[in-house]
Amino acid sequence: MSDRTSGALLTLAAILWVVWGLVHALAGSLIITGDAASGFQAIADAVPPDQLAADYHPAVSAVLNQHAWNLLWGGLVTIVGAVFIWKRSRTAIWVTAMVGGLLDLGYFVFLDLGGFVKFLPGTLMTIVSATAILASFTVLLGTRNRETPDSSGLGQTESA
């Protein structure tokens, strides 16, 4: 794989992770600052809002806020990871894929497959994270036989 191609794929991955991170950090912030009913209505947007409107026990709100906290920090981690992916860090590719990918895997399994969400924005963000993972892992696989003269592990010279 050429340096130009790998650079373009890593730039794409970085941009996608920034978008993903901003959406999730914002969602987490909005859910934490709202009440439980509005949080559930925002997440499970395919369910009629009146079916989720309730006076939830404070423990339910606490569990939802813990989920929102995970969205917030996960979003921030992927934004930081995006900077290091752009700088060609193997570690950032792996860590960002694990954080964003595993958060979205849970979303996909429990909400998408459960039929509780519409396509936008949640399912689209799952596609965004999957595309970022594929783009960055394509570079990892394409550079695995190369020497690594720089600290990133994604070196510029071919091995003999």
Protein backbone atom coordinates (compact mmCIF):
# COMPACT_ATOMS: atom_id res chain seq x y z
CA MET A 1 0.00 0.00 0.00
CA SER A 2 1.39 3.40 -0.92
CA ASP A 3 2.09 6.06 1.68
CA ARG A 4 -0.42 8.29 -0.07
CA THR A 5 -3.18 5.67 0.15
CA SER A 6 -2.44 4.86 3.78
CA GLY A 7 -2.34 8.56 4.63
CA ALA A 8 -5.71 9.12 2.95
CA LEU A 9 -7.27 6.16 4.77
CA LEU A 10 -5.93 7.31 8.14
CA THR A 11 -7.17 10.85 7.48
CA LEU A 12 -10.60 9.44 6.62
CA ALA A 13 -10.60 7.33 9.78
CA ALA A 14 -9.55 10.32 11.89
CA ILE A 15 -12.30 12.53 10.47
CA LEU A 16 -14.92 9.82 11.01
CA TRP A 17 -13.79 9.31 14.62
CA VAL A 18 -14.00 13.05 15.31
CA VAL A 19 -17.56 13.12 13.95
CA TRP A 20 -18.46 10.00 15.94
CA GLY A 21 -16.85 11.41 19.07
CA LEU A 22 -18.60 14.77 18.83
CA VAL A 23 -22.01 13.14 18.34
CA HIS A 24 -21.52 10.81 21.31
CA ALA A 25 -20.03 13.42 23.63
CA LEU A 26 -22.95 15.74 22.83
CA ALA A 27 -25.49 12.95 23.32
CA GLY A 28 -23.96 12.02 26.66
CA SER A 29 -23.98 15.63 27.82
CA LEU A 30 -27.61 16.16 26.79
CA ILE A 31 -28.79 12.96 28.46
CA ILE A 32 -26.99 13.77 31.73
CA THR A 33 -28.55 17.24 31.87
CA GLY A 34 -32.08 16.04 31.07
CA ASP A 35 -34.59 13.80 32.81
CA ALA A 36 -34.83 10.05 32.34
CA ALA A 37 -37.91 10.14 30.10
CA SER A 38 -36.34 12.56 27.62
CA GLY A 39 -33.12 10.53 27.67
CA PHE A 40 -34.95 7.31 26.81
CA GLN A 41 -36.97 9.13 24.16
CA ALA A 42 -33.77 10.45 22.56
CA ILE A 43 -32.10 7.03 22.51
CA ALA A 44 -35.04 4.80 21.59
CA ASP A 45 -36.40 7.17 18.95
CA ALA A 46 -38.44 4.51 17.10
CA VAL A 47 -40.64 4.03 20.19
CA PRO A 48 -43.55 6.49 20.46
CA PRO A 49 -42.51 9.12 23.05
CA ASP A 50 -45.71 8.70 25.08
CA GLN A 51 -44.78 5.05 25.71
CA LEU A 52 -41.52 6.15 27.34
CA ALA A 53 -42.95 9.08 29.31
CA ALA A 54 -42.99 8.11 32.98
CA ASP A 55 -41.93 9.21 36.40
CA TYR A 56 -38.91 6.92 36.69
CA HIS A 57 -37.34 5.88 39.96
CA PRO A 58 -34.13 7.81 40.72
CA ALA A 59 -32.17 4.57 40.31
CA VAL A 60 -33.33 4.35 36.68
CA SER A 61 -32.13 7.91 36.12
CA ALA A 62 -28.80 7.02 37.70
CA VAL A 63 -28.33 4.03 35.37
CA LEU A 64 -29.21 6.19 32.35
CA ASN A 65 -26.76 8.88 33.51
CA GLN A 66 -24.07 6.24 33.88
CA HIS A 67 -24.74 5.24 30.26
CA ALA A 68 -24.60 8.90 29.25
CA TRP A 69 -21.27 9.28 31.06
CA ASN A 70 -19.92 6.36 29.01
CA LEU A 71 -21.11 8.06 25.82
CA LEU A 72 -19.42 11.29 26.90
CA TRP A 73 -16.02 9.83 27.81
CA GLY A 74 -16.11 7.41 24.87
CA GLY A 75 -16.72 10.31 22.52
CA LEU A 76 -13.86 12.30 24.02
CA VAL A 77 -11.48 9.31 23.83
CA THR A 78 -12.23 8.82 20.13
CA ILE A 79 -11.62 12.50 19.42
CA VAL A 80 -8.20 12.29 21.09
CA GLY A 81 -7.58 8.98 19.35
CA ALA A 82 -8.40 10.57 15.99
CA VAL A 83 -5.54 13.04 16.42
CA PHE A 84 -3.09 10.19 17.02
CA ILE A 85 -4.54 8.09 14.20
CA TRP A 86 -3.93 11.03 11.89
CA LYS A 87 -0.34 11.00 13.19
CA ARG A 88 -0.13 7.28 12.25
CA SER A 89 -0.18 5.69 15.71
CA ARG A 90 -0.87 1.94 15.75
CA THR A 91 -1.81 2.11 19.41
CA ALA A 92 -4.38 4.84 18.74
CA ILE A 93 -5.91 2.79 15.93
CA TRP A 94 -6.39 -0.16 18.28
CA VAL A 95 -7.57 1.80 21.34
CA THR A 96 -9.96 3.99 19.37
CA ALA A 97 -11.40 0.99 17.54
CA MET A 98 -11.92 -0.83 20.83
CA VAL A 99 -13.59 2.11 22.58
CA GLY A 100 -15.79 3.32 19.73
CA GLY A 101 -16.34 -0.10 18.21
CA LEU A 102 -17.36 -1.82 21.42
CA LEU A 103 -19.64 1.04 22.46
CA ASP A 104 -21.37 0.82 19.09
CA LEU A 105 -21.49 -2.97 19.18
CA GLY A 106 -23.66 -2.74 22.30
CA TYR A 107 -25.87 -0.16 20.59
CA PHE A 108 -26.23 -2.38 17.52
CA VAL A 109 -27.04 -5.55 19.47
CA PHE A 110 -29.47 -4.09 21.99
CA LEU A 111 -31.09 -1.17 20.17
CA ASP A 112 -30.73 -1.68 16.41
CA LEU A 113 -31.47 -5.41 16.45
CA GLY A 114 -34.20 -4.77 19.04
CA GLY A 115 -35.94 -2.43 16.60
CA PHE A 116 -36.00 0.50 19.03
CA VAL A 117 -34.22 3.08 16.90
CA LYS A 118 -34.52 4.86 13.59
CA PHE A 119 -31.63 5.09 11.13
CA LEU A 120 -30.55 8.61 12.13
CA PRO A 121 -28.44 9.36 14.05
CA GLY A 122 -27.61 6.14 15.89
CA THR A 123 -27.40 3.55 13.13
CA LEU A 124 -25.54 6.03 10.95
CA MET A 125 -22.96 6.46 13.71
CA THR A 126 -22.52 2.67 13.83
CA ILE A 127 -21.77 2.78 10.10
CA VAL A 128 -19.36 5.69 10.69
CA SER A 129 -17.43 3.80 13.37
CA ALA A 130 -17.34 0.60 11.30
CA THR A 131 -16.00 2.56 8.32
CA ALA A 132 -13.33 4.21 10.49
CA ILE A 133 -12.28 0.82 11.83
CA LEU A 134 -12.13 -0.70 8.34
CA ALA A 135 -10.13 2.23 6.95
CA SER A 136 -7.55 2.20 9.74
CA PHE A 137 -7.26 -1.59 9.90
CA THR A 138 -6.71 -1.67 6.14
CA VAL A 139 -3.63 0.48 6.77
CA LEU A 140 -2.50 -1.77 9.62
CA LEU A 141 -2.77 -4.84 7.42
CA GLY A 142 -1.16 -3.06 4.47
CA THR A 143 1.85 -1.97 6.52
CA ARG A 144 2.43 -5.07 8.63
CA ASN A 145 5.41 -6.19 6.51
CA ARG A 146 7.12 -2.79 6.57
CA GLU A 147 10.00 -1.64 8.70
CA THR A 148 9.09 0.81 11.46
CA PRO A 149 11.66 3.62 11.60
CA ASP A 150 9.28 5.97 13.39
CA SER A 151 7.65 5.57 16.79
CA SER A 152 4.17 5.17 15.27
CA GLY A 153 4.83 1.73 13.90
CA LEU A 154 3.52 2.75 10.47
CA GLY A 155 6.88 3.39 8.87
CA GLN A 156 7.74 4.80 5.50
CA THR A 157 10.31 2.32 4.13
CA GLU A 158 9.81 -1.14 2.68
CA SER A 159 11.63 -4.08 4.20
CA ALA A 160 13.89 -6.14 1.95
